[in-house]
N, C-alpha and C. Protein backbone atom coordinates (compact mmCIF):
# COMPACT_ATOMS: atom_id res chain seq x y z
N MET A 1 -2.72 -34.89 -18.60
CA MET A 1 -1.97 -33.92 -17.76
C MET A 1 -1.06 -33.03 -18.71
N LYS A 2 -0.48 -33.51 -19.58
CA LYS A 2 0.31 -33.19 -20.63
C LYS A 2 -0.39 -32.45 -21.34
N LYS A 3 -1.55 -32.68 -21.97
CA LYS A 3 -2.30 -31.80 -22.44
C LYS A 3 -2.65 -30.37 -21.88
N VAL A 4 -3.03 -30.48 -20.67
CA VAL A 4 -3.09 -29.24 -19.73
C VAL A 4 -2.11 -28.55 -19.77
N PHE A 5 -0.78 -29.15 -19.50
CA PHE A 5 0.61 -28.05 -19.44
C PHE A 5 0.69 -27.60 -20.70
N GLU A 6 0.52 -28.19 -21.95
CA GLU A 6 0.65 -27.68 -23.39
C GLU A 6 -0.43 -26.67 -23.61
N LEU A 7 -1.67 -26.53 -23.05
CA LEU A 7 -2.94 -25.69 -23.21
C LEU A 7 -2.30 -24.56 -22.69
N ILE A 8 -1.76 -24.49 -21.17
CA ILE A 8 -1.20 -23.42 -20.14
C ILE A 8 -0.14 -22.81 -21.14
N MET A 9 0.57 -23.44 -21.50
CA MET A 9 2.02 -22.99 -22.20
C MET A 9 1.49 -22.10 -23.35
N PHE A 10 0.56 -22.71 -24.48
CA PHE A 10 0.18 -22.06 -25.22
C PHE A 10 -0.44 -20.78 -25.15
N THR A 11 -1.57 -20.86 -23.81
CA THR A 11 -2.44 -19.72 -23.66
C THR A 11 -1.55 -18.46 -22.98
N LEU A 12 -0.49 -19.09 -22.28
CA LEU A 12 0.70 -18.07 -21.90
C LEU A 12 1.54 -17.43 -23.06
N PHE A 13 1.83 -18.06 -24.07
CA PHE A 13 2.87 -17.52 -25.19
C PHE A 13 1.84 -16.71 -26.01
N PHE A 14 0.55 -16.94 -26.24
CA PHE A 14 -0.25 -15.95 -26.99
C PHE A 14 -0.66 -14.80 -26.30
N SER A 15 -0.79 -14.77 -24.72
CA SER A 15 -1.28 -13.88 -23.77
C SER A 15 0.10 -12.70 -23.84
N SER A 16 1.25 -13.15 -23.67
CA SER A 16 2.70 -12.81 -23.72
C SER A 16 2.86 -11.99 -25.03
N LEU A 17 2.51 -12.77 -26.10
CA LEU A 17 2.60 -12.32 -27.57
C LEU A 17 1.48 -11.01 -27.62
N ALA A 18 0.34 -10.95 -27.26
CA ALA A 18 -0.43 -9.90 -26.90
C ALA A 18 -0.13 -8.77 -26.39
N GLY A 19 0.26 -9.21 -25.50
CA GLY A 19 0.77 -8.25 -24.22
C GLY A 19 2.11 -7.22 -25.01
N PHE A 20 2.86 -7.85 -25.58
CA PHE A 20 4.01 -7.45 -26.30
C PHE A 20 3.57 -6.43 -27.46
N GLY A 21 2.53 -7.25 -28.27
CA GLY A 21 2.07 -5.96 -29.47
C GLY A 21 1.26 -4.99 -28.80
N LEU A 22 0.44 -4.98 -27.93
CA LEU A 22 -0.16 -4.06 -27.11
C LEU A 22 1.11 -3.11 -26.59
N ALA A 23 2.05 -3.16 -26.21
CA ALA A 23 3.06 -2.50 -25.69
C ALA A 23 3.83 -1.67 -26.84
N ALA A 24 4.01 -2.37 -27.67
CA ALA A 24 4.64 -1.81 -29.09
C ALA A 24 3.63 -0.97 -29.48
N GLY A 25 2.27 -1.19 -29.60
CA GLY A 25 1.59 -0.20 -30.00
C GLY A 25 1.48 1.12 -29.40
N LEU A 26 1.43 1.03 -28.29
CA LEU A 26 1.39 1.97 -27.11
C LEU A 26 2.36 2.82 -27.49
N PHE A 27 3.80 2.21 -27.49
CA PHE A 27 4.98 2.83 -27.53
C PHE A 27 5.26 3.54 -29.19
N SER A 28 4.86 2.99 -29.91
CA SER A 28 4.89 3.83 -31.30
C SER A 28 3.68 4.97 -31.50
N PHE A 29 2.38 4.79 -30.64
CA PHE A 29 1.30 5.72 -30.69
C PHE A 29 2.23 7.00 -29.87
N LEU A 30 2.78 6.69 -28.82
CA LEU A 30 3.18 7.74 -28.06
C LEU A 30 4.45 8.35 -28.83
N GLY A 31 5.14 7.70 -29.64
CA GLY A 31 6.06 8.09 -30.44
C GLY A 31 5.63 9.24 -31.71
N THR A 32 4.61 8.54 -32.14
CA THR A 32 3.73 9.24 -33.08
C THR A 32 3.17 10.47 -32.65
N ALA A 33 2.77 10.51 -31.28
CA ALA A 33 1.99 11.66 -30.68
C ALA A 33 3.13 12.76 -30.61
N GLU A 34 4.19 12.34 -29.81
CA GLU A 34 5.27 13.51 -29.49
C GLU A 34 5.71 14.19 -30.87
N LEU A 35 5.84 13.21 -32.20
CA LEU A 35 6.25 13.71 -33.34
C LEU A 35 5.50 14.63 -33.92
N ILE A 36 4.05 14.59 -33.64
CA ILE A 36 2.88 15.39 -34.55
C ILE A 36 2.86 16.49 -33.21
N GLY A 37 2.84 16.62 -31.92
CA GLY A 37 3.22 17.38 -31.08
C GLY A 37 4.09 18.41 -31.60
N ARG A 38 5.51 17.97 -31.95
CA ARG A 38 6.37 18.94 -32.24
C ARG A 38 6.14 19.62 -33.32
N VAL A 39 5.59 19.00 -34.47
CA VAL A 39 5.47 19.48 -35.67
C VAL A 39 4.04 20.68 -35.27
N ILE A 40 3.28 20.58 -34.78
CA ILE A 40 2.26 21.43 -34.16
C ILE A 40 2.63 22.53 -33.72
N TRP A 41 3.62 22.19 -32.52
CA TRP A 41 4.05 23.65 -31.50
C TRP A 41 5.25 24.16 -32.24
């Protein structure tokens, strides 16, 4: 039972980490796109 709990915590930790990385990537992409848009326009 303890092993299952550890596995679940492990999975949740990595999925949240991946989600955070994805969000950070999206925000940096939007920031870069806005910057490029200002330079172009």
